[in-house]
Amino acid sequence: MTDPNEPLVLIEQRGHTRMLTLNRPHVRNALSVALSNALVAELHSADDDADTRVILLTGAGGAFCSGVDLKDLSEHGFDGAESVDGNCITHLADVRTPVVGLVSGPAVTGGFELALACDFLIATPDARFADTHSRVGIVPGGGLTARLTEAVGVRRARQMSSTGAYLDADTALAWGVVNEIVPPAQLHDRGWSVAEAMLTADARTLTAVWNLYDALSADGTATAVERESVVNRGWSVAGDEVAGRAKSVVTHGRSESATS
């Protein structure tokens, strides 16, 4: 169990690189409201710091993020209209500083959206990716339908969203979800190393190039992200409905992880 006195997002600064670590390992870093708010605050703090030129995003305890906390959803339900200020995924996608995601273990549903909102991903062999929104009964609201399609193509995106099937790391690499796979013990070191290589670029030039890539991505996804957000904001699900589905979602995830 995580010490309640520990921060929900751990921060480590090395030179011009800042690592943010989601810190709810006892629930595989599931996104509670508190964790989401803490991540938003830390992302903006890093983005506003002129000395921080690269952000690394990872999760504690061998998991990236298992998605929105189903216990929270079961107790309170879901009302997209309450997310008028967006969510941590939207805020992540909007930061100007390059963000490299370091993924081990599950990156599922909201956690998958969070990973896709990073600029690129480095993963371990045990990384697993899945979209189970349809199983939970909630329309995505963090740009998944846009960014997953950008990464893997619409046919593969349809398959993932309709079946909830898990991608193993090798398939995620072949499909273009992740850039490379490294041994678990080397994940953080590889992240720091890649960040260091990025820092050797001329800062002004890299910013201009990064803005061009951002604009290119926005050309293809901005309308799709907004369309998804509109549907999400109008979506609501009662807590007892989520509770009724939560057990089957968890069982599905365990069976998929065991066989993949």
C-alpha atoms as a PDB file:
ATOM      1  CA  MET A   1       0.000   0.000   0.000  1.00  0.00           C
ATOM      2  CA  THR A   2       1.326   3.442  -0.882  1.00  0.00           C
ATOM      3  CA  ASP A   3       2.176   5.666   2.063  1.00  0.00           C
ATOM      4  CA  PRO A   4      -0.645   8.275   2.183  1.00  0.00           C
ATOM      5  CA  ASN A   5       1.992  10.879   2.941  1.00  0.00           C
ATOM      6  CA  GLU A   6       3.826  10.183  -0.309  1.00  0.00           C
ATOM      7  CA  PRO A   7       3.038  12.454  -3.265  1.00  0.00           C
ATOM      8  CA  LEU A   8       0.824  11.014  -5.990  1.00  0.00           C
ATOM      9  CA  VAL A   9       3.379  12.106  -8.589  1.00  0.00           C
ATOM     10  CA  LEU A  10       7.068  11.647  -7.855  1.00  0.00           C
ATOM     11  CA  ILE A  11       9.492  14.165  -9.352  1.00  0.00           C
ATOM     12  CA  GLU A  12      13.132  13.696 -10.279  1.00  0.00           C
ATOM     13  CA  GLN A  13      15.136  16.395 -12.029  1.00  0.00           C
ATOM     14  CA  ARG A  14      18.426  15.668 -13.775  1.00  0.00           C
ATOM     15  CA  GLY A  15      19.780  18.710 -15.514  1.00  0.00           C
ATOM     16  CA  HIS A  16      17.239  19.794 -18.115  1.00  0.00           C
ATOM     17  CA  THR A  17      15.143  16.597 -17.885  1.00  0.00           C
ATOM     18  CA  ARG A  18      12.316  15.998 -15.427  1.00  0.00           C
ATOM     19  CA  MET A  19      10.862  12.555 -14.722  1.00  0.00           C
ATOM     20  CA  LEU A  20       7.276  12.395 -13.475  1.00  0.00           C
ATOM     21  CA  THR A  21       6.238   9.070 -11.938  1.00  0.00           C
ATOM     22  CA  LEU A  22       2.612   8.147 -11.270  1.00  0.00           C
ATOM     23  CA  ASN A  23       2.645   6.865  -7.698  1.00  0.00           C
ATOM     24  CA  ARG A  24      -0.338   4.629  -6.920  1.00  0.00           C
ATOM     25  CA  PRO A  25       1.386   1.276  -7.447  1.00  0.00           C
ATOM     26  CA  HIS A  26      -1.098  -0.650  -5.264  1.00  0.00           C
ATOM     27  CA  VAL A  27      -3.757  -0.050  -7.954  1.00  0.00           C
ATOM     28  CA  ARG A  28      -1.350  -0.112 -10.910  1.00  0.00           C
ATOM     29  CA  ASN A  29      -1.426   3.697 -10.983  1.00  0.00           C
ATOM     30  CA  ALA A  30      -5.142   3.907 -11.759  1.00  0.00           C
ATOM     31  CA  LEU A  31      -6.257   7.476 -12.380  1.00  0.00           C
ATOM     32  CA  SER A  32      -8.193   8.759  -9.397  1.00  0.00           C
ATOM     33  CA  VAL A  33      -9.406  12.355  -9.485  1.00  0.00           C
ATOM     34  CA  ALA A  34      -6.611  13.256  -7.066  1.00  0.00           C
ATOM     35  CA  LEU A  35      -3.900  11.624  -9.190  1.00  0.00           C
ATOM     36  CA  SER A  36      -5.231  13.240 -12.353  1.00  0.00           C
ATOM     37  CA  ASN A  37      -5.225  16.677 -10.716  1.00  0.00           C
ATOM     38  CA  ALA A  38      -1.713  16.136  -9.333  1.00  0.00           C
ATOM     39  CA  LEU A  39      -0.433  15.091 -12.756  1.00  0.00           C
ATOM     40  CA  VAL A  40      -1.978  18.156 -14.405  1.00  0.00           C
ATOM     41  CA  ALA A  41      -0.269  20.410 -11.872  1.00  0.00           C
ATOM     42  CA  GLU A  42       3.126  18.749 -12.324  1.00  0.00           C
ATOM     43  CA  LEU A  43       2.888  18.750 -16.116  1.00  0.00           C
ATOM     44  CA  HIS A  44       2.238  22.483 -16.147  1.00  0.00           C
ATOM     45  CA  SER A  45       4.971  23.084 -13.578  1.00  0.00           C
ATOM     46  CA  ALA A  46       7.469  21.261 -15.800  1.00  0.00           C
ATOM     47  CA  ASP A  47       6.172  22.938 -18.951  1.00  0.00           C
ATOM     48  CA  ASP A  48       6.496  26.396 -17.383  1.00  0.00           C
ATOM     49  CA  ASP A  49      10.054  25.756 -16.186  1.00  0.00           C
ATOM     50  CA  ALA A  50      12.483  27.176 -18.736  1.00  0.00           C
ATOM     51  CA  ASP A  51      15.210  24.858 -17.416  1.00  0.00           C
ATOM     52  CA  THR A  52      13.173  21.725 -18.183  1.00  0.00           C
ATOM     53  CA  ARG A  53      13.459  20.799 -21.857  1.00  0.00           C
ATOM     54  CA  VAL A  54      12.342  17.133 -21.791  1.00  0.00           C
ATOM     55  CA  ILE A  55       9.732  15.376 -19.654  1.00  0.00           C
ATOM     56  CA  LEU A  56       9.793  11.637 -18.954  1.00  0.00           C
ATOM     57  CA  LEU A  57       6.489  10.102 -17.832  1.00  0.00           C
ATOM     58  CA  THR A  58       6.353   6.694 -16.175  1.00  0.00           C
ATOM     59  CA  GLY A  59       4.600   4.700 -13.458  1.00  0.00           C
ATOM     60  CA  ALA A  60       5.739   3.225 -10.156  1.00  0.00           C
ATOM     61  CA  GLY A  61       5.700  -0.449  -9.249  1.00  0.00           C
ATOM     62  CA  GLY A  62       6.120  -1.966 -12.707  1.00  0.00           C
ATOM     63  CA  ALA A  63       2.916  -0.522 -14.177  1.00  0.00           C
ATOM     64  CA  PHE A  64       2.342   2.533 -16.336  1.00  0.00           C
ATOM     65  CA  CYS A  65      -1.363   3.189 -15.756  1.00  0.00           C
ATOM     66  CA  SER A  66      -4.328   0.810 -15.582  1.00  0.00           C
ATOM     67  CA  GLY A  67      -6.799   3.512 -16.562  1.00  0.00           C
ATOM     68  CA  VAL A  68      -9.442   5.386 -14.635  1.00  0.00           C
ATOM     69  CA  ASP A  69      -9.967   4.034 -11.114  1.00  0.00           C
ATOM     70  CA  LEU A  70     -12.960   1.679 -11.497  1.00  0.00           C
ATOM     71  CA  LYS A  71     -13.670   1.885  -7.764  1.00  0.00           C
ATOM     72  CA  ASP A  72     -14.111   5.641  -8.076  1.00  0.00           C
ATOM     73  CA  LEU A  73     -16.332   5.179 -11.114  1.00  0.00           C
ATOM     74  CA  SER A  74     -18.404   2.513  -9.379  1.00  0.00           C
ATOM     75  CA  GLU A  75     -19.035   4.858  -6.459  1.00  0.00           C
ATOM     76  CA  HIS A  76     -19.657   8.075  -8.350  1.00  0.00           C
ATOM     77  CA  GLY A  77     -20.522   7.117 -11.916  1.00  0.00           C
ATOM     78  CA  PHE A  78     -19.362   9.119 -14.918  1.00  0.00           C
ATOM     79  CA  ASP A  79     -20.620  12.460 -16.183  1.00  0.00           C
ATOM     80  CA  GLY A  80     -18.606  13.900 -19.040  1.00  0.00           C
ATOM     81  CA  ALA A  81     -20.161  17.321 -18.478  1.00  0.00           C
ATOM     82  CA  GLU A  82     -18.129  17.607 -15.257  1.00  0.00           C
ATOM     83  CA  SER A  83     -14.868  17.608 -17.217  1.00  0.00           C
ATOM     84  CA  VAL A  84     -15.218  21.164 -18.448  1.00  0.00           C
ATOM     85  CA  ASP A  85     -11.525  21.851 -17.847  1.00  0.00           C
ATOM     86  CA  GLY A  86     -10.438  18.740 -19.692  1.00  0.00           C
ATOM     87  CA  ASN A  87      -8.572  15.814 -18.153  1.00  0.00           C
ATOM     88  CA  CYS A  88      -4.936  14.979 -17.488  1.00  0.00           C
ATOM     89  CA  ILE A  89      -4.652  13.344 -20.916  1.00  0.00           C
ATOM     90  CA  THR A  90      -5.774  16.510 -22.689  1.00  0.00           C
ATOM     91  CA  HIS A  91      -3.385  18.587 -20.598  1.00  0.00           C
ATOM     92  CA  LEU A  92      -0.531  16.185 -21.383  1.00  0.00           C
ATOM     93  CA  ALA A  93      -1.208  16.450 -25.097  1.00  0.00           C
ATOM     94  CA  ASP A  94      -1.161  20.258 -24.841  1.00  0.00           C
ATOM     95  CA  VAL A  95       2.200  20.741 -23.125  1.00  0.00           C
ATOM     96  CA  ARG A  96       4.874  22.329 -25.302  1.00  0.00           C
ATOM     97  CA  THR A  97       7.793  20.400 -23.796  1.00  0.00           C
ATOM     98  CA  PRO A  98       8.561  17.045 -25.472  1.00  0.00           C
ATOM     99  CA  VAL A  99       7.189  14.136 -23.413  1.00  0.00           C
ATOM    100  CA  VAL A 100       8.640  10.631 -23.661  1.00  0.00           C
ATOM    101  CA  GLY A 101       6.523   7.879 -22.112  1.00  0.00           C
ATOM    102  CA  LEU A 102       8.313   4.983 -20.392  1.00  0.00           C
ATOM    103  CA  VAL A 103       5.867   2.088 -20.286  1.00  0.00           C
ATOM    104  CA  SER A 104       6.075  -1.119 -18.284  1.00  0.00           C
ATOM    105  CA  GLY A 105       3.138  -3.358 -17.443  1.00  0.00           C
ATOM    106  CA  PRO A 106      -0.390  -2.221 -18.295  1.00  0.00           C
ATOM    107  CA  ALA A 107      -1.337   0.921 -20.191  1.00  0.00           C
ATOM    108  CA  VAL A 108      -5.064   0.323 -20.419  1.00  0.00           C
ATOM    109  CA  THR A 109      -8.032   2.461 -21.497  1.00  0.00           C
ATOM    110  CA  GLY A 110      -7.382   5.869 -19.857  1.00  0.00           C
ATOM    111  CA  GLY A 111      -3.803   4.710 -19.294  1.00  0.00           C
ATOM    112  CA  PHE A 112      -3.557   3.854 -22.988  1.00  0.00           C
ATOM    113  CA  GLU A 113      -4.876   7.321 -23.832  1.00  0.00           C
ATOM    114  CA  LEU A 114      -2.249   8.795 -21.515  1.00  0.00           C
ATOM    115  CA  ALA A 115       0.486   6.830 -23.292  1.00  0.00           C
ATOM    116  CA  LEU A 116      -0.780   7.851 -26.728  1.00  0.00           C
ATOM    117  CA  ALA A 117      -0.728  11.513 -25.679  1.00  0.00           C
ATOM    118  CA  CYS A 118       3.051  11.278 -25.141  1.00  0.00           C
ATOM    119  CA  ASP A 119       5.224  12.273 -28.084  1.00  0.00           C
ATOM    120  CA  PHE A 120       6.707   8.792 -28.309  1.00  0.00           C
ATOM    121  CA  LEU A 121       7.049   5.678 -26.168  1.00  0.00           C
ATOM    122  CA  ILE A 122       9.765   3.346 -24.942  1.00  0.00           C
ATOM    123  CA  ALA A 123       8.474   0.084 -23.477  1.00  0.00           C
ATOM    124  CA  THR A 124       9.566  -3.061 -21.659  1.00  0.00           C
ATOM    125  CA  PRO A 125       8.745  -6.591 -22.875  1.00  0.00           C
ATOM    126  CA  ASP A 126       5.923  -6.883 -20.309  1.00  0.00           C
ATOM    127  CA  ALA A 127       4.143  -3.727 -21.518  1.00  0.00           C
ATOM    128  CA  ARG A 128       0.507  -4.287 -22.478  1.00  0.00           C
ATOM    129  CA  PHE A 129      -1.878  -1.902 -24.241  1.00  0.00           C
ATOM    130  CA  ALA A 130      -5.668  -2.119 -24.497  1.00  0.00           C
ATOM    131  CA  ASP A 131      -8.792  -0.036 -25.003  1.00  0.00           C
ATOM    132  CA  THR A 132     -11.664  -1.305 -22.831  1.00  0.00           C
ATOM    133  CA  HIS A 133     -13.843   1.837 -22.921  1.00  0.00           C
ATOM    134  CA  SER A 134     -16.639  -0.070 -24.632  1.00  0.00           C
ATOM    135  CA  ARG A 135     -16.542  -2.768 -21.960  1.00  0.00           C
ATOM    136  CA  VAL A 136     -16.786  -0.162 -19.184  1.00  0.00           C
ATOM    137  CA  GLY A 137     -19.531   1.685 -21.054  1.00  0.00           C
ATOM    138  CA  ILE A 138     -17.820   5.059 -21.457  1.00  0.00           C
ATOM    139  CA  VAL A 139     -16.982   6.873 -24.679  1.00  0.00           C
ATOM    140  CA  PRO A 140     -13.302   7.950 -24.727  1.00  0.00           C
ATOM    141  CA  GLY A 141     -12.659  11.599 -23.934  1.00  0.00           C
ATOM    142  CA  GLY A 142      -8.879  11.902 -24.051  1.00  0.00           C
ATOM    143  CA  GLY A 143      -8.415  11.663 -27.805  1.00  0.00           C
ATOM    144  CA  LEU A 144      -8.028   7.903 -28.037  1.00  0.00           C
ATOM    145  CA  THR A 145     -10.034   7.443 -31.236  1.00  0.00           C
ATOM    146  CA  ALA A 146      -7.902  10.077 -32.941  1.00  0.00           C
ATOM    147  CA  ARG A 147      -4.451   9.191 -31.633  1.00  0.00           C
ATOM    148  CA  LEU A 148      -4.872   5.425 -31.781  1.00  0.00           C
ATOM    149  CA  THR A 149      -5.929   5.731 -35.414  1.00  0.00           C
ATOM    150  CA  GLU A 150      -2.936   7.980 -36.082  1.00  0.00           C
ATOM    151  CA  ALA A 151      -0.658   5.331 -34.567  1.00  0.00           C
ATOM    152  CA  VAL A 152      -2.045   2.066 -35.958  1.00  0.00           C
ATOM    153  CA  GLY A 153      -4.613   2.902 -38.653  1.00  0.00           C
ATOM    154  CA  VAL A 154      -8.385   2.872 -38.462  1.00  0.00           C
ATOM    155  CA  ARG A 155      -8.893  -0.864 -39.032  1.00  0.00           C
ATOM    156  CA  ARG A 156      -6.619  -1.903 -36.175  1.00  0.00           C
ATOM    157  CA  ALA A 157      -8.067   0.862 -33.992  1.00  0.00           C
ATOM    158  CA  ARG A 158     -11.604  -0.439 -34.619  1.00  0.00           C
ATOM    159  CA  GLN A 159     -10.482  -3.949 -33.680  1.00  0.00           C
ATOM    160  CA  MET A 160      -8.860  -2.823 -30.431  1.00  0.00           C
ATOM    161  CA  SER A 161     -11.799  -0.673 -29.335  1.00  0.00           C
ATOM    162  CA  SER A 162     -14.438  -3.263 -30.155  1.00  0.00           C
ATOM    163  CA  THR A 163     -12.739  -6.325 -28.680  1.00  0.00           C
ATOM    164  CA  GLY A 164     -10.722  -4.901 -25.798  1.00  0.00           C
ATOM    165  CA  ALA A 165      -7.895  -7.156 -26.963  1.00  0.00           C
ATOM    166  CA  TYR A 166      -4.477  -6.533 -25.462  1.00  0.00           C
ATOM    167  CA  LEU A 167      -1.409  -5.729 -27.550  1.00  0.00           C
ATOM    168  CA  ASP A 168       1.804  -7.246 -26.282  1.00  0.00           C
ATOM    169  CA  ALA A 169       4.983  -5.211 -26.539  1.00  0.00           C
ATOM    170  CA  ASP A 170       6.237  -6.885 -29.716  1.00  0.00           C
ATOM    171  CA  THR A 171       2.958  -6.251 -31.529  1.00  0.00           C
ATOM    172  CA  ALA A 172       2.861  -2.683 -30.229  1.00  0.00           C
ATOM    173  CA  LEU A 173       6.343  -2.190 -31.705  1.00  0.00           C
ATOM    174  CA  ALA A 174       5.338  -3.735 -35.036  1.00  0.00           C
ATOM    175  CA  TRP A 175       2.168  -1.622 -35.197  1.00  0.00           C
ATOM    176  CA  GLY A 176       3.961   1.633 -34.376  1.00  0.00           C
ATOM    177  CA  VAL A 177       2.573   2.241 -30.883  1.00  0.00           C
ATOM    178  CA  VAL A 178       6.037   2.153 -29.297  1.00  0.00           C
ATOM    179  CA  ASN A 179       9.412   3.154 -30.706  1.00  0.00           C
ATOM    180  CA  GLU A 180      11.576   0.572 -28.988  1.00  0.00           C
ATOM    181  CA  ILE A 181      11.620  -2.171 -26.349  1.00  0.00           C
ATOM    182  CA  VAL A 182      14.259  -2.385 -23.645  1.00  0.00           C
ATOM    183  CA  PRO A 183      14.774  -4.733 -20.655  1.00  0.00           C
ATOM    184  CA  PRO A 184      12.841  -3.661 -17.524  1.00  0.00           C
ATOM    185  CA  ALA A 185      15.995  -2.825 -15.575  1.00  0.00           C
ATOM    186  CA  GLN A 186      17.087  -0.466 -18.355  1.00  0.00           C
ATOM    187  CA  LEU A 187      13.817   1.426 -18.918  1.00  0.00           C
ATOM    188  CA  HIS A 188      14.586   4.509 -16.847  1.00  0.00           C
ATOM    189  CA  ASP A 189      18.230   4.614 -17.878  1.00  0.00           C
ATOM    190  CA  ARG A 190      17.176   4.457 -21.516  1.00  0.00           C
ATOM    191  CA  GLY A 191      14.724   7.292 -20.922  1.00  0.00           C
ATOM    192  CA  TRP A 192      17.401   9.491 -19.386  1.00  0.00           C
ATOM    193  CA  SER A 193      19.761   8.568 -22.239  1.00  0.00           C
ATOM    194  CA  VAL A 194      17.246   9.459 -24.958  1.00  0.00           C
ATOM    195  CA  ALA A 195      16.476  12.728 -23.192  1.00  0.00           C
ATOM    196  CA  GLU A 196      20.194  13.509 -23.026  1.00  0.00           C
ATOM    197  CA  ALA A 197      20.493  12.894 -26.758  1.00  0.00           C
ATOM    198  CA  MET A 198      17.561  15.242 -27.382  1.00  0.00           C
ATOM    199  CA  LEU A 199      19.259  17.908 -25.284  1.00  0.00           C
ATOM    200  CA  THR A 200      22.292  17.928 -27.600  1.00  0.00           C
ATOM    201  CA  ALA A 201      20.100  19.465 -30.295  1.00  0.00           C
ATOM    202  CA  ASP A 202      20.012  23.236 -30.596  1.00  0.00           C
ATOM    203  CA  ALA A 203      17.119  24.184 -28.307  1.00  0.00           C
ATOM    204  CA  ARG A 204      15.646  26.872 -30.571  1.00  0.00           C
ATOM    205  CA  THR A 205      15.808  24.646 -33.632  1.00  0.00           C
ATOM    206  CA  LEU A 206      14.352  21.621 -31.853  1.00  0.00           C
ATOM    207  CA  THR A 207      11.466  23.749 -30.589  1.00  0.00           C
ATOM    208  CA  ALA A 208      10.712  24.869 -34.142  1.00  0.00           C
ATOM    209  CA  VAL A 209      10.909  21.299 -35.461  1.00  0.00           C
ATOM    210  CA  TRP A 210       8.760  20.017 -32.582  1.00  0.00           C
ATOM    211  CA  ASN A 211       6.143  22.683 -33.325  1.00  0.00           C
ATOM    212  CA  LEU A 212       6.049  21.513 -36.930  1.00  0.00           C
ATOM    213  CA  TYR A 213       5.478  17.917 -35.833  1.00  0.00           C
ATOM    214  CA  ASP A 214       2.787  19.093 -33.415  1.00  0.00           C
ATOM    215  CA  ALA A 215       1.084  21.015 -36.206  1.00  0.00           C
ATOM    216  CA  LEU A 216       1.273  18.031 -38.539  1.00  0.00           C
ATOM    217  CA  SER A 217      -0.304  15.811 -35.896  1.00  0.00           C
ATOM    218  CA  ALA A 218      -2.945  18.428 -35.129  1.00  0.00           C
ATOM    219  CA  ASP A 219      -3.854  18.662 -38.816  1.00  0.00           C
ATOM    220  CA  GLY A 220      -4.793  15.005 -38.710  1.00  0.00           C
ATOM    221  CA  THR A 221      -6.257  14.748 -35.217  1.00  0.00           C
ATOM    222  CA  ALA A 222      -7.566  18.093 -33.955  1.00  0.00           C
ATOM    223  CA  THR A 223     -11.036  17.734 -35.455  1.00  0.00           C
ATOM    224  CA  ALA A 224     -11.244  14.086 -34.402  1.00  0.00           C
ATOM    225  CA  VAL A 225     -10.181  14.907 -30.828  1.00  0.00           C
ATOM    226  CA  GLU A 226     -12.772  17.669 -30.557  1.00  0.00           C
ATOM    227  CA  ARG A 227     -15.494  15.444 -32.025  1.00  0.00           C
ATOM    228  CA  GLU A 228     -14.689  12.755 -29.471  1.00  0.00           C
ATOM    229  CA  SER A 229     -14.654  15.327 -26.672  1.00  0.00           C
ATOM    230  CA  VAL A 230     -18.124  16.580 -27.607  1.00  0.00           C
ATOM    231  CA  VAL A 231     -19.568  13.057 -27.421  1.00  0.00           C
ATOM    232  CA  ASN A 232     -17.719  12.372 -24.164  1.00  0.00           C
ATOM    233  CA  ARG A 233     -19.003  15.565 -22.514  1.00  0.00           C
ATOM    234  CA  GLY A 234     -22.539  14.496 -23.273  1.00  0.00           C
ATOM    235  CA  TRP A 235     -22.030  10.950 -21.942  1.00  0.00           C
ATOM    236  CA  SER A 236     -23.052   9.788 -18.492  1.00  0.00           C
ATOM    237  CA  VAL A 237     -23.107   6.402 -16.792  1.00  0.00           C
ATOM    238  CA  ALA A 238     -24.508   5.626 -13.362  1.00  0.00           C
ATOM    239  CA  GLY A 239     -22.188   4.179 -10.756  1.00  0.00           C
ATOM    240  CA  ASP A 240     -24.126   0.934 -10.430  1.00  0.00           C
ATOM    241  CA  GLU A 241     -23.783   0.378 -14.184  1.00  0.00           C
ATOM    242  CA  VAL A 242     -20.017   0.741 -13.942  1.00  0.00           C
ATOM    243  CA  ALA A 243     -19.928  -1.484 -10.864  1.00  0.00           C
ATOM    244  CA  GLY A 244     -21.814  -4.173 -12.765  1.00  0.00           C
ATOM    245  CA  ARG A 245     -19.219  -4.151 -15.526  1.00  0.00           C
ATOM    246  CA  ALA A 246     -16.076  -3.591 -13.472  1.00  0.00           C
ATOM    247  CA  LYS A 247     -15.616  -7.212 -12.400  1.00  0.00           C
ATOM    248  CA  SER A 248     -15.856  -8.513 -15.952  1.00  0.00           C
ATOM    249  CA  VAL A 249     -13.431  -5.825 -17.164  1.00  0.00           C
ATOM    250  CA  VAL A 250     -10.869  -6.845 -14.531  1.00  0.00           C
ATOM    251  CA  THR A 251     -11.361 -10.537 -15.304  1.00  0.00           C
ATOM    252  CA  HIS A 252     -10.951  -9.845 -19.012  1.00  0.00           C
ATOM    253  CA  GLY A 253      -7.730  -7.933 -18.359  1.00  0.00           C
ATOM    254  CA  ARG A 254      -6.254 -10.732 -16.272  1.00  0.00           C
ATOM    255  CA  SER A 255      -7.130 -13.386 -18.844  1.00  0.00           C
ATOM    256  CA  GLU A 256      -5.718 -11.311 -21.708  1.00  0.00           C
ATOM    257  CA  SER A 257      -2.510 -10.619 -19.816  1.00  0.00           C
ATOM    258  CA  ALA A 258      -2.107 -14.282 -18.958  1.00  0.00           C
ATOM    259  CA  THR A 259      -2.445 -15.412 -22.570  1.00  0.00           C
ATOM    260  CA  SER A 260      -0.623 -12.618 -24.399  1.00  0.00           C
END
